[in-house]
Amino acid sequence: MAKTNYSYEKRQRELEKKKKADEKARRKAELKNSGQEEGSEGAEGADEDGDADEAGAEPADPAPKE
């Protein structure tokens, strides 16, 4: 009868835990980065272009009414 290789099984469990932890850390970093990019992108776009706040407003230089 074959003897069970407990060290192999333990190593496989450890690798699975590490893989799971790495995946969780990657997802957490993605969420953090995507939140920063969206927030900073919206703020920078409005400051640089000035069009974001004025999208629904009247034109700055309307045609003269005669």
N, C-alpha and C. Protein backbone atom coordinates (compact mmCIF):
# COMPACT_ATOMS: atom_id res chain seq x y z
N MET A 1 0.84 -1.18 0.00
CA MET A 1 0.00 0.00 0.00
C MET A 1 0.89 1.25 0.00
N ALA A 2 0.47 2.26 -0.78
CA ALA A 2 1.26 3.48 -0.92
C ALA A 2 1.08 4.38 0.30
N LYS A 3 2.16 5.04 0.62
CA LYS A 3 2.16 5.95 1.76
C LYS A 3 1.73 7.35 1.29
N THR A 4 0.88 8.02 2.07
CA THR A 4 0.40 9.35 1.70
C THR A 4 1.52 10.37 1.86
N ASN A 5 1.65 11.23 0.85
CA ASN A 5 2.69 12.26 0.86
C ASN A 5 2.08 13.55 1.43
N TYR A 6 2.14 13.69 2.74
CA TYR A 6 1.51 14.82 3.41
C TYR A 6 2.21 16.14 3.08
N SER A 7 3.50 16.10 2.86
CA SER A 7 4.21 17.34 2.55
C SER A 7 3.78 17.89 1.19
N TYR A 8 3.50 17.01 0.23
CA TYR A 8 3.00 17.45 -1.08
C TYR A 8 1.63 18.11 -0.93
N GLU A 9 0.75 17.46 -0.17
CA GLU A 9 -0.59 18.00 0.04
C GLU A 9 -0.53 19.35 0.75
N LYS A 10 0.34 19.45 1.73
CA LYS A 10 0.49 20.71 2.47
C LYS A 10 0.98 21.81 1.54
N ARG A 11 1.96 21.49 0.71
CA ARG A 11 2.51 22.47 -0.23
C ARG A 11 1.43 22.94 -1.22
N GLN A 12 0.59 22.03 -1.67
CA GLN A 12 -0.49 22.40 -2.58
C GLN A 12 -1.48 23.35 -1.90
N ARG A 13 -1.79 23.06 -0.63
CA ARG A 13 -2.69 23.96 0.11
C ARG A 13 -2.07 25.34 0.29
N GLU A 14 -0.77 25.39 0.60
CA GLU A 14 -0.08 26.66 0.76
C GLU A 14 -0.06 27.47 -0.54
N LEU A 15 0.20 26.78 -1.65
CA LEU A 15 0.20 27.46 -2.95
C LEU A 15 -1.18 28.02 -3.28
N GLU A 16 -2.21 27.26 -2.97
CA GLU A 16 -3.58 27.71 -3.23
C GLU A 16 -3.91 28.94 -2.37
N LYS A 17 -3.49 28.94 -1.11
CA LYS A 17 -3.72 30.09 -0.23
C LYS A 17 -3.00 31.32 -0.77
N LYS A 18 -1.76 31.13 -1.20
CA LYS A 18 -0.97 32.24 -1.72
C LYS A 18 -1.61 32.81 -2.99
N LYS A 19 -2.05 31.92 -3.87
CA LYS A 19 -2.70 32.34 -5.10
C LYS A 19 -3.96 33.15 -4.79
N LYS A 20 -4.75 32.68 -3.83
CA LYS A 20 -5.98 33.35 -3.45
C LYS A 20 -5.68 34.72 -2.85
N ALA A 21 -4.66 34.81 -2.01
CA ALA A 21 -4.29 36.08 -1.39
C ALA A 21 -3.79 37.07 -2.43
N ASP A 22 -3.00 36.60 -3.39
CA ASP A 22 -2.50 37.46 -4.46
C ASP A 22 -3.65 38.00 -5.31
N GLU A 23 -4.61 37.14 -5.61
CA GLU A 23 -5.76 37.56 -6.41
C GLU A 23 -6.57 38.62 -5.66
N LYS A 24 -6.74 38.42 -4.37
CA LYS A 24 -7.50 39.38 -3.56
C LYS A 24 -6.77 40.72 -3.52
N ALA A 25 -5.46 40.70 -3.35
CA ALA A 25 -4.67 41.93 -3.32
C ALA A 25 -4.73 42.64 -4.67
N ARG A 26 -4.69 41.88 -5.76
CA ARG A 26 -4.76 42.47 -7.10
C ARG A 26 -6.11 43.16 -7.32
N ARG A 27 -7.20 42.48 -6.92
CA ARG A 27 -8.53 43.09 -7.07
C ARG A 27 -8.65 44.35 -6.24
N LYS A 28 -8.12 44.32 -5.02
CA LYS A 28 -8.17 45.47 -4.13
C LYS A 28 -7.41 46.64 -4.74
N ALA A 29 -6.24 46.36 -5.31
CA ALA A 29 -5.43 47.40 -5.95
C ALA A 29 -6.14 47.96 -7.18
N GLU A 30 -6.79 47.10 -7.94
CA GLU A 30 -7.53 47.56 -9.13
C GLU A 30 -8.65 48.50 -8.73
N LEU A 31 -9.40 48.14 -7.70
CA LEU A 31 -10.49 49.00 -7.23
C LEU A 31 -9.96 50.34 -6.76
N LYS A 32 -8.86 50.30 -6.04
CA LYS A 32 -8.27 51.54 -5.52
C LYS A 32 -7.80 52.42 -6.68
N ASN A 33 -7.11 51.81 -7.64
CA ASN A 33 -6.60 52.58 -8.79
C ASN A 33 -7.72 53.09 -9.67
N SER A 34 -8.73 52.29 -9.91
CA SER A 34 -9.83 52.74 -10.77
C SER A 34 -10.60 53.86 -10.10
N GLY A 35 -10.74 53.83 -8.80
CA GLY A 35 -11.42 54.91 -8.08
C GLY A 35 -10.62 56.20 -8.14
N GLN A 36 -9.32 56.12 -8.03
CA GLN A 36 -8.47 57.31 -8.10
C GLN A 36 -8.47 57.87 -9.51
N GLU A 37 -8.39 57.02 -10.51
CA GLU A 37 -8.35 57.48 -11.90
C GLU A 37 -9.64 58.19 -12.26
N GLU A 38 -10.79 57.61 -11.89
CA GLU A 38 -12.06 58.23 -12.21
C GLU A 38 -12.21 59.57 -11.52
N GLY A 39 -11.87 59.63 -10.25
CA GLY A 39 -12.01 60.86 -9.49
C GLY A 39 -11.07 61.94 -10.00
N SER A 40 -9.81 61.60 -10.23
CA SER A 40 -8.85 62.60 -10.68
C SER A 40 -9.10 62.97 -12.13
N GLU A 41 -9.57 62.03 -12.93
CA GLU A 41 -9.80 62.32 -14.34
C GLU A 41 -10.95 63.31 -14.50
N GLY A 42 -12.00 63.14 -13.72
CA GLY A 42 -13.14 64.04 -13.80
C GLY A 42 -12.75 65.44 -13.31
N ALA A 43 -11.99 65.53 -12.25
CA ALA A 43 -11.60 66.83 -11.71
C ALA A 43 -10.63 67.53 -12.65
N GLU A 44 -9.69 66.80 -13.19
CA GLU A 44 -8.71 67.42 -14.10
C GLU A 44 -9.38 67.86 -15.39
N GLY A 45 -10.28 67.05 -15.92
CA GLY A 45 -10.96 67.38 -17.16
C GLY A 45 -11.76 68.66 -17.02
N ALA A 46 -12.42 68.86 -15.90
CA ALA A 46 -13.23 70.05 -15.69
C ALA A 46 -12.33 71.28 -15.52
N ASP A 47 -11.21 71.12 -14.86
CA ASP A 47 -10.33 72.25 -14.63
C ASP A 47 -9.60 72.66 -15.90
N GLU A 48 -9.13 71.69 -16.66
CA GLU A 48 -8.34 72.00 -17.85
C GLU A 48 -9.21 72.53 -18.98
N ASP A 49 -10.29 71.84 -19.28
CA ASP A 49 -11.11 72.22 -20.42
C ASP A 49 -12.13 73.30 -20.07
N GLY A 50 -12.70 73.21 -18.90
CA GLY A 50 -13.75 74.13 -18.51
C GLY A 50 -15.07 73.81 -19.17
N ASP A 51 -15.15 72.76 -19.95
CA ASP A 51 -16.37 72.41 -20.67
C ASP A 51 -17.29 71.53 -19.83
N ALA A 52 -16.77 70.84 -18.86
CA ALA A 52 -17.56 69.90 -18.10
C ALA A 52 -18.69 70.60 -17.35
N ASP A 53 -18.43 71.76 -16.76
CA ASP A 53 -19.46 72.47 -16.01
C ASP A 53 -20.37 73.29 -16.92
N GLU A 54 -19.92 73.67 -18.09
CA GLU A 54 -20.67 74.54 -18.98
C GLU A 54 -21.39 73.79 -20.10
N ALA A 55 -21.47 72.48 -19.99
CA ALA A 55 -22.05 71.69 -21.06
C ALA A 55 -23.50 72.08 -21.32
N GLY A 56 -24.29 72.36 -20.29
CA GLY A 56 -25.69 72.69 -20.48
C GLY A 56 -25.96 74.19 -20.40
N ALA A 57 -24.95 75.00 -20.16
CA ALA A 57 -25.13 76.44 -20.01
C ALA A 57 -25.19 77.13 -21.36
N GLU A 58 -25.58 78.40 -21.33
CA GLU A 58 -25.63 79.18 -22.56
C GLU A 58 -24.23 79.41 -23.10
N PRO A 59 -24.09 79.67 -24.38
CA PRO A 59 -22.77 79.97 -24.94
C PRO A 59 -22.22 81.25 -24.33
N ALA A 60 -20.90 81.34 -24.21
CA ALA A 60 -20.28 82.50 -23.60
C ALA A 60 -20.48 83.75 -24.45
N ASP A 61 -20.50 83.61 -25.79
CA ASP A 61 -20.64 84.75 -26.67
C ASP A 61 -21.82 84.51 -27.62
N PRO A 62 -23.05 84.78 -27.17
CA PRO A 62 -24.19 84.49 -28.01
C PRO A 62 -24.25 85.43 -29.22
N ALA A 63 -24.95 85.02 -30.24
CA ALA A 63 -25.08 85.84 -31.45
C ALA A 63 -25.90 87.09 -31.10
N PRO A 64 -25.52 88.25 -31.61
CA PRO A 64 -26.27 89.48 -31.30
C PRO A 64 -27.70 89.41 -31.87
N LYS A 65 -28.63 89.90 -31.08
CA LYS A 65 -30.03 89.90 -31.48
C LYS A 65 -30.35 91.24 -32.14
N GLU A 66 -30.79 91.22 -33.38
CA GLU A 66 -31.08 92.46 -34.09
C GLU A 66 -32.48 92.50 -34.57
